[in-house]
Amino acid sequence: MIPHCYVFHDGNTSWLRVSRKTLQQLEITQNYFSKFTRVDFQFIYLGSDKDKQIFHQIFFNQTGSQPKIIQRNSPNIIKNKYRNYHIKEYAIT
């Protein structure tokens, strides 16, 4: 099943919202994306074109298709979202 992602427009920027579950299935962490990306507990919001391209390329490489994109308008979508921060990844021995 191809997961769907939402694109939200807040006037100046479009934000591609991807669930953390989808990122987990693709084995992607938020470390792949820039500080311009926003995060919360359930989703990651890709704002820059480069971040969106990274996601689309990894998705396509692993699934052979593109995610289903649904357009939404929401002027306050990133209100109260945190700037991306790189999480520390530890090797499990």
N, C-alpha and C. Protein backbone atom coordinates (compact mmCIF):
# COMPACT_ATOMS: atom_id res chain seq x y z
N MET A 1 0.84 -1.19 0.00
CA MET A 1 0.00 0.00 0.00
C MET A 1 0.88 1.25 0.00
N ILE A 2 0.60 2.17 -0.88
CA ILE A 2 1.36 3.40 -0.97
C ILE A 2 0.74 4.41 0.00
N PRO A 3 1.53 4.88 0.99
CA PRO A 3 0.97 5.84 1.94
C PRO A 3 0.72 7.18 1.24
N HIS A 4 -0.18 7.95 1.81
CA HIS A 4 -0.43 9.26 1.24
C HIS A 4 0.22 10.32 2.13
N CYS A 5 0.56 11.41 1.51
CA CYS A 5 1.14 12.56 2.20
C CYS A 5 0.28 13.77 1.84
N TYR A 6 0.29 14.73 2.71
CA TYR A 6 -0.48 15.94 2.46
C TYR A 6 0.47 17.10 2.17
N VAL A 7 0.10 17.94 1.23
CA VAL A 7 0.80 19.20 1.00
C VAL A 7 -0.12 20.30 1.50
N PHE A 8 0.39 21.07 2.46
CA PHE A 8 -0.36 22.19 3.01
C PHE A 8 0.27 23.48 2.53
N HIS A 9 -0.56 24.47 2.22
CA HIS A 9 -0.10 25.78 1.77
C HIS A 9 -0.46 26.80 2.84
N ASP A 10 0.54 27.57 3.26
CA ASP A 10 0.28 28.59 4.28
C ASP A 10 0.48 30.00 3.75
N GLY A 11 0.38 30.16 2.45
CA GLY A 11 0.55 31.48 1.86
C GLY A 11 1.90 31.65 1.18
N ASN A 12 2.98 31.45 1.91
CA ASN A 12 4.32 31.62 1.36
C ASN A 12 4.99 30.31 1.00
N THR A 13 4.69 29.27 1.70
CA THR A 13 5.40 28.00 1.57
C THR A 13 4.42 26.86 1.47
N SER A 14 4.83 25.82 0.76
CA SER A 14 4.05 24.58 0.81
C SER A 14 4.84 23.60 1.67
N TRP A 15 4.14 22.86 2.50
CA TRP A 15 4.75 21.93 3.44
C TRP A 15 4.26 20.53 3.14
N LEU A 16 5.19 19.63 2.89
CA LEU A 16 4.84 18.23 2.66
C LEU A 16 4.85 17.53 4.01
N ARG A 17 3.66 17.11 4.46
CA ARG A 17 3.55 16.45 5.76
C ARG A 17 3.68 14.94 5.57
N VAL A 18 4.65 14.35 6.25
CA VAL A 18 4.92 12.92 6.16
C VAL A 18 4.82 12.35 7.57
N SER A 19 4.12 11.24 7.71
CA SER A 19 3.98 10.65 9.03
C SER A 19 5.29 9.99 9.46
N ARG A 20 5.53 9.99 10.75
CA ARG A 20 6.73 9.32 11.27
C ARG A 20 6.67 7.82 11.00
N LYS A 21 5.47 7.27 10.92
CA LYS A 21 5.32 5.84 10.61
C LYS A 21 5.87 5.56 9.20
N THR A 22 5.56 6.43 8.25
CA THR A 22 6.08 6.28 6.88
C THR A 22 7.60 6.39 6.90
N LEU A 23 8.14 7.37 7.63
CA LEU A 23 9.59 7.51 7.72
C LEU A 23 10.23 6.26 8.31
N GLN A 24 9.58 5.71 9.33
CA GLN A 24 10.09 4.49 9.96
C GLN A 24 10.11 3.32 8.96
N GLN A 25 9.04 3.17 8.20
CA GLN A 25 8.97 2.09 7.22
C GLN A 25 10.05 2.24 6.15
N LEU A 26 10.41 3.47 5.81
CA LEU A 26 11.43 3.72 4.81
C LEU A 26 12.83 3.80 5.42
N GLU A 27 12.89 3.66 6.74
CA GLU A 27 14.15 3.73 7.49
C GLU A 27 14.84 5.09 7.28
N ILE A 28 14.05 6.15 7.37
CA ILE A 28 14.53 7.52 7.26
C ILE A 28 14.40 8.18 8.63
N THR A 29 15.41 8.91 9.04
CA THR A 29 15.30 9.71 10.26
C THR A 29 15.23 11.18 9.87
N GLN A 30 14.90 12.01 10.82
CA GLN A 30 14.82 13.43 10.53
C GLN A 30 16.21 14.02 10.27
N ASN A 31 17.26 13.26 10.53
CA ASN A 31 18.62 13.72 10.24
C ASN A 31 18.87 13.88 8.74
N TYR A 32 18.04 13.29 7.91
CA TYR A 32 18.18 13.42 6.46
C TYR A 32 17.80 14.82 5.98
N PHE A 33 17.08 15.57 6.80
CA PHE A 33 16.47 16.81 6.35
C PHE A 33 17.09 18.03 7.02
N SER A 34 16.88 19.18 6.42
CA SER A 34 17.48 20.43 6.89
C SER A 34 16.76 21.00 8.11
N LYS A 35 17.36 22.05 8.65
CA LYS A 35 16.77 22.73 9.80
C LYS A 35 15.51 23.51 9.43
N PHE A 36 15.23 23.63 8.13
CA PHE A 36 14.03 24.34 7.69
C PHE A 36 12.78 23.46 7.79
N THR A 37 12.99 22.18 7.99
CA THR A 37 11.89 21.24 8.20
C THR A 37 11.34 21.43 9.60
N ARG A 38 10.04 21.24 9.75
CA ARG A 38 9.39 21.33 11.06
C ARG A 38 8.98 19.94 11.52
N VAL A 39 8.92 19.74 12.82
CA VAL A 39 8.61 18.42 13.35
C VAL A 39 7.62 18.53 14.51
N ASP A 40 6.87 17.46 14.72
CA ASP A 40 6.12 17.26 15.95
C ASP A 40 6.15 15.77 16.24
N PHE A 41 5.33 15.30 17.14
CA PHE A 41 5.42 13.91 17.56
C PHE A 41 4.93 12.91 16.52
N GLN A 42 3.99 13.31 15.67
CA GLN A 42 3.41 12.39 14.70
C GLN A 42 3.88 12.59 13.28
N PHE A 43 4.31 13.82 12.95
CA PHE A 43 4.62 14.14 11.56
C PHE A 43 5.90 14.94 11.44
N ILE A 44 6.41 14.96 10.23
CA ILE A 44 7.51 15.83 9.86
C ILE A 44 7.00 16.65 8.67
N TYR A 45 7.31 17.94 8.67
CA TYR A 45 6.80 18.86 7.66
C TYR A 45 7.98 19.36 6.83
N LEU A 46 8.09 18.88 5.60
CA LEU A 46 9.20 19.24 4.73
C LEU A 46 8.87 20.52 4.00
N GLY A 47 9.66 21.58 4.24
CA GLY A 47 9.37 22.87 3.65
C GLY A 47 10.25 23.24 2.48
N SER A 48 11.48 22.78 2.48
CA SER A 48 12.38 23.17 1.39
C SER A 48 12.27 22.20 0.23
N ASP A 49 12.51 22.70 -0.96
CA ASP A 49 12.45 21.85 -2.16
C ASP A 49 13.47 20.72 -2.07
N LYS A 50 14.64 21.00 -1.52
CA LYS A 50 15.68 19.98 -1.40
C LYS A 50 15.20 18.82 -0.49
N ASP A 51 14.59 19.17 0.64
CA ASP A 51 14.08 18.13 1.56
C ASP A 51 13.00 17.29 0.90
N LYS A 52 12.12 17.95 0.14
CA LYS A 52 11.06 17.22 -0.56
C LYS A 52 11.65 16.28 -1.60
N GLN A 53 12.68 16.74 -2.31
CA GLN A 53 13.34 15.90 -3.32
C GLN A 53 14.01 14.69 -2.67
N ILE A 54 14.64 14.90 -1.52
CA ILE A 54 15.28 13.79 -0.80
C ILE A 54 14.24 12.74 -0.46
N PHE A 55 13.11 13.17 0.10
CA PHE A 55 12.05 12.23 0.48
C PHE A 55 11.52 11.48 -0.74
N HIS A 56 11.20 12.21 -1.81
CA HIS A 56 10.64 11.58 -3.01
C HIS A 56 11.62 10.57 -3.60
N GLN A 57 12.91 10.89 -3.61
CA GLN A 57 13.91 9.98 -4.19
C GLN A 57 14.04 8.71 -3.36
N ILE A 58 14.11 8.84 -2.06
CA ILE A 58 14.20 7.66 -1.19
C ILE A 58 12.93 6.82 -1.32
N PHE A 59 11.78 7.47 -1.31
CA PHE A 59 10.51 6.77 -1.43
C PHE A 59 10.47 5.97 -2.74
N PHE A 60 10.84 6.64 -3.84
CA PHE A 60 10.82 5.98 -5.14
C PHE A 60 11.82 4.82 -5.20
N ASN A 61 13.01 5.03 -4.66
CA ASN A 61 14.03 3.97 -4.67
C ASN A 61 13.57 2.73 -3.92
N GLN A 62 12.82 2.92 -2.85
CA GLN A 62 12.41 1.78 -2.03
C GLN A 62 11.08 1.16 -2.45
N THR A 63 10.22 1.93 -3.09
CA THR A 63 8.89 1.39 -3.42
C THR A 63 8.65 1.26 -4.92
N GLY A 64 9.43 1.97 -5.72
CA GLY A 64 9.22 1.95 -7.16
C GLY A 64 8.07 2.84 -7.63
N SER A 65 7.53 3.64 -6.74
CA SER A 65 6.44 4.55 -7.10
C SER A 65 6.56 5.83 -6.28
N GLN A 66 5.70 6.78 -6.58
CA GLN A 66 5.67 8.04 -5.84
C GLN A 66 4.54 7.99 -4.80
N PRO A 67 4.70 8.71 -3.69
CA PRO A 67 3.61 8.73 -2.71
C PRO A 67 2.40 9.46 -3.26
N LYS A 68 1.25 9.12 -2.77
CA LYS A 68 0.03 9.82 -3.15
C LYS A 68 0.01 11.15 -2.40
N ILE A 69 -0.10 12.24 -3.16
CA ILE A 69 -0.07 13.58 -2.57
C ILE A 69 -1.47 14.18 -2.61
N ILE A 70 -1.93 14.66 -1.46
CA ILE A 70 -3.24 15.28 -1.33
C ILE A 70 -3.02 16.75 -0.96
N GLN A 71 -3.60 17.68 -1.72
CA GLN A 71 -3.45 19.11 -1.49
C GLN A 71 -4.44 19.60 -0.44
N ARG A 72 -3.95 20.44 0.47
CA ARG A 72 -4.80 21.06 1.49
C ARG A 72 -4.38 22.52 1.66
N ASN A 73 -5.30 23.35 2.07
CA ASN A 73 -4.99 24.73 2.43
C ASN A 73 -5.14 24.87 3.93
N SER A 74 -4.10 25.39 4.57
CA SER A 74 -4.15 25.60 6.00
C SER A 74 -3.15 26.68 6.38
N PRO A 75 -3.62 27.86 6.67
CA PRO A 75 -2.70 28.96 6.95
C PRO A 75 -1.89 28.78 8.24
N ASN A 76 -2.32 27.92 9.13
CA ASN A 76 -1.64 27.77 10.42
C ASN A 76 -1.01 26.39 10.61
N ILE A 77 -0.66 25.72 9.53
CA ILE A 77 -0.22 24.34 9.65
C ILE A 77 1.06 24.18 10.47
N ILE A 78 2.00 25.11 10.37
CA ILE A 78 3.23 24.93 11.11
C ILE A 78 3.28 25.71 12.42
N LYS A 79 2.16 26.32 12.77
CA LYS A 79 2.11 27.01 14.05
C LYS A 79 2.34 25.98 15.15
N ASN A 80 3.19 26.31 16.09
CA ASN A 80 3.53 25.44 17.22
C ASN A 80 4.30 24.18 16.83
N LYS A 81 4.95 24.19 15.68
CA LYS A 81 5.81 23.08 15.29
C LYS A 81 7.25 23.48 15.58
N TYR A 82 8.08 22.51 15.86
CA TYR A 82 9.47 22.77 16.20
C TYR A 82 10.36 22.73 14.97
N ARG A 83 11.41 23.53 14.98
CA ARG A 83 12.42 23.41 13.94
C ARG A 83 13.06 22.04 14.05
N ASN A 84 13.47 21.51 12.93
CA ASN A 84 14.13 20.21 12.92
C ASN A 84 15.42 20.29 13.71
N TYR A 85 15.72 19.24 14.40
CA TYR A 85 16.99 19.10 15.10
C TYR A 85 17.50 17.71 14.78
N HIS A 86 18.78 17.56 14.70
CA HIS A 86 19.34 16.26 14.37
C HIS A 86 19.45 15.44 15.65
N ILE A 87 18.88 14.27 15.61
CA ILE A 87 18.91 13.39 16.77
C ILE A 87 20.20 12.58 16.76
N LYS A 88 20.68 12.27 17.94
CA LYS A 88 21.89 11.46 18.03
C LYS A 88 21.51 10.01 17.81
N GLU A 89 22.28 9.36 16.98
CA GLU A 89 22.05 7.95 16.70
C GLU A 89 23.21 7.16 17.28
N TYR A 90 22.90 6.18 18.08
CA TYR A 90 23.91 5.38 18.73
C TYR A 90 23.93 3.98 18.14
N ALA A 91 25.12 3.46 17.99
CA ALA A 91 25.25 2.08 17.52
C ALA A 91 24.92 1.16 18.68
N ILE A 92 24.11 0.16 18.41
CA ILE A 92 23.76 -0.81 19.43
C ILE A 92 24.72 -1.98 19.31
N THR A 93 25.40 -2.26 20.39
CA THR A 93 26.38 -3.36 20.35
C THR A 93 25.94 -4.50 21.21
